[in-house]
Amino acid sequence: MQPLIHKASVHLTAKTLPASVTPGDPVRLRLGDDGIITVILTIPSRLPFGLGRSREFLAGKLGKQATALLKPALQVSAHLRLRIVEIEPAHLSLNRRSKLYISVWGEPESITTQQF
């Protein structure tokens, strides 16, 4: 695997992120019918001993450049490794909104479109 995107900004739909989200946490992407790629975080259960279910948190969507790059890979269900690389909390931001950045790793062949 090679880095496909070192640091992509996520356009958040929520004003703040859950406190349990940390750098290094895995992320999932979902390609919608409208061509928009949604970023999904998995929030673990707060119950002790791993009891309970984790829940999904729709963090936001990727920008145009990242969407154009990753769309072919998501259409063929290529294996991608996605992690949170940076979080800027709302209280440290000038506009009082959290910021989230992810990295995407995979095989470069998975993002090229092949036309025969």
Protein backbone atom coordinates (compact mmCIF):
# COMPACT_ATOMS: atom_id res chain seq x y z
CA MET A 1 0.00 0.00 0.00
CA GLN A 2 1.08 3.51 -0.78
CA PRO A 3 -0.29 6.86 0.33
CA LEU A 4 -2.86 8.05 -2.18
CA ILE A 5 -3.85 11.16 -0.20
CA HIS A 6 -1.60 12.28 2.64
CA LYS A 7 -4.05 14.73 4.18
CA ALA A 8 -7.56 15.39 2.88
CA SER A 9 -9.90 17.86 4.52
CA VAL A 10 -13.38 16.66 5.43
CA HIS A 11 -16.18 19.21 5.05
CA LEU A 12 -17.98 18.55 8.32
CA THR A 13 -21.75 18.54 8.52
CA ALA A 14 -21.74 18.78 12.33
CA LYS A 15 -20.35 21.72 14.25
CA THR A 16 -18.33 19.55 16.63
CA LEU A 17 -16.98 16.01 16.64
CA PRO A 18 -17.55 13.45 19.40
CA ALA A 19 -14.91 13.64 22.13
CA SER A 20 -13.96 9.99 21.66
CA VAL A 21 -12.61 10.56 18.13
CA THR A 22 -8.79 10.59 18.03
CA PRO A 23 -6.04 10.58 15.40
CA GLY A 24 -5.38 7.07 14.15
CA ASP A 25 -9.03 6.01 14.32
CA PRO A 26 -10.29 4.18 11.23
CA VAL A 27 -12.69 5.85 8.84
CA ARG A 28 -15.06 4.49 6.19
CA LEU A 29 -16.15 6.09 2.95
CA ARG A 30 -19.52 5.70 1.26
CA LEU A 31 -20.12 6.67 -2.36
CA GLY A 32 -23.62 8.01 -2.79
CA ASP A 33 -25.79 7.77 -5.88
CA ASP A 34 -25.23 11.49 -6.42
CA GLY A 35 -21.43 11.00 -6.62
CA ILE A 36 -20.71 12.52 -3.20
CA ILE A 37 -18.34 10.62 -0.91
CA THR A 38 -19.47 10.60 2.71
CA VAL A 39 -16.99 10.13 5.56
CA ILE A 40 -18.23 7.84 8.35
CA LEU A 41 -16.67 7.49 11.80
CA THR A 42 -17.33 4.53 14.10
CA ILE A 43 -17.91 5.63 17.69
CA PRO A 44 -17.27 2.77 20.18
CA SER A 45 -19.71 1.93 22.94
CA ARG A 46 -19.17 3.67 26.28
CA LEU A 47 -20.15 0.58 28.25
CA PRO A 48 -17.38 -1.32 30.08
CA PHE A 49 -15.87 -4.60 28.86
CA GLY A 50 -16.83 -3.95 25.25
CA LEU A 51 -20.54 -4.35 25.94
CA GLY A 52 -23.00 -2.52 23.79
CA ARG A 53 -22.92 -1.55 20.17
CA SER A 54 -20.80 0.99 18.41
CA ARG A 55 -22.59 3.65 16.40
CA GLU A 56 -21.88 5.39 13.14
CA PHE A 57 -21.32 9.12 12.95
CA LEU A 58 -21.67 10.82 9.57
CA ALA A 59 -18.82 13.29 9.79
CA GLY A 60 -19.16 15.03 6.45
CA LYS A 61 -18.08 14.80 2.84
CA LEU A 62 -14.87 14.96 0.85
CA GLY A 63 -13.99 17.84 -1.45
CA LYS A 64 -14.08 17.79 -5.24
CA GLN A 65 -10.43 16.82 -5.79
CA ALA A 66 -10.44 13.95 -3.30
CA THR A 67 -13.79 12.75 -4.66
CA ALA A 68 -12.49 12.74 -8.22
CA LEU A 69 -9.41 10.77 -7.16
CA LEU A 70 -11.17 8.16 -4.99
CA LYS A 71 -14.41 7.67 -6.92
CA PRO A 72 -13.00 5.00 -9.32
CA ALA A 73 -11.59 3.02 -6.39
CA LEU A 74 -14.90 3.09 -4.52
CA GLN A 75 -16.84 2.07 -7.62
CA VAL A 76 -14.83 -1.16 -7.87
CA SER A 77 -14.72 -1.67 -4.06
CA ALA A 78 -10.92 -1.43 -3.92
CA HIS A 79 -9.21 -2.08 -0.59
CA LEU A 80 -8.35 1.30 0.99
CA ARG A 81 -6.91 2.08 4.40
CA LEU A 82 -8.29 5.29 5.87
CA ARG A 83 -7.26 6.93 9.12
CA ILE A 84 -7.77 10.23 10.89
CA VAL A 85 -4.51 12.17 10.78
CA GLU A 86 -5.47 15.47 12.38
CA ILE A 87 -8.30 17.00 14.39
CA GLU A 88 -8.65 20.66 15.21
CA PRO A 89 -11.18 21.14 18.03
CA ALA A 90 -13.79 23.88 17.73
CA HIS A 91 -12.43 25.82 20.72
CA LEU A 92 -9.04 26.23 18.96
CA SER A 93 -10.46 27.26 15.60
CA LEU A 94 -11.01 30.87 14.58
CA ASN A 95 -14.46 30.16 13.16
CA ARG A 96 -15.47 27.94 16.13
CA ARG A 97 -15.90 24.84 13.93
CA SER A 98 -14.01 21.59 14.25
CA LYS A 99 -11.75 20.46 11.43
CA LEU A 100 -11.01 16.87 10.45
CA TYR A 101 -8.32 15.53 8.12
CA ILE A 102 -7.92 11.95 6.89
CA SER A 103 -5.27 9.99 5.00
CA VAL A 104 -5.99 7.38 2.34
CA TRP A 105 -3.69 4.47 1.54
CA GLY A 106 -4.13 1.92 -1.21
CA GLU A 107 -2.75 0.59 -4.44
CA PRO A 108 -2.30 3.25 -7.15
CA GLU A 109 -3.78 0.88 -9.73
CA SER A 110 -7.10 1.02 -7.88
CA ILE A 111 -7.62 4.72 -8.62
CA THR A 112 -6.91 4.61 -12.34
CA THR A 113 -9.83 4.15 -14.65
CA GLN A 114 -9.29 1.53 -17.28
CA GLN A 115 -11.19 1.81 -20.51
CA PHE A 116 -10.98 -1.00 -23.01
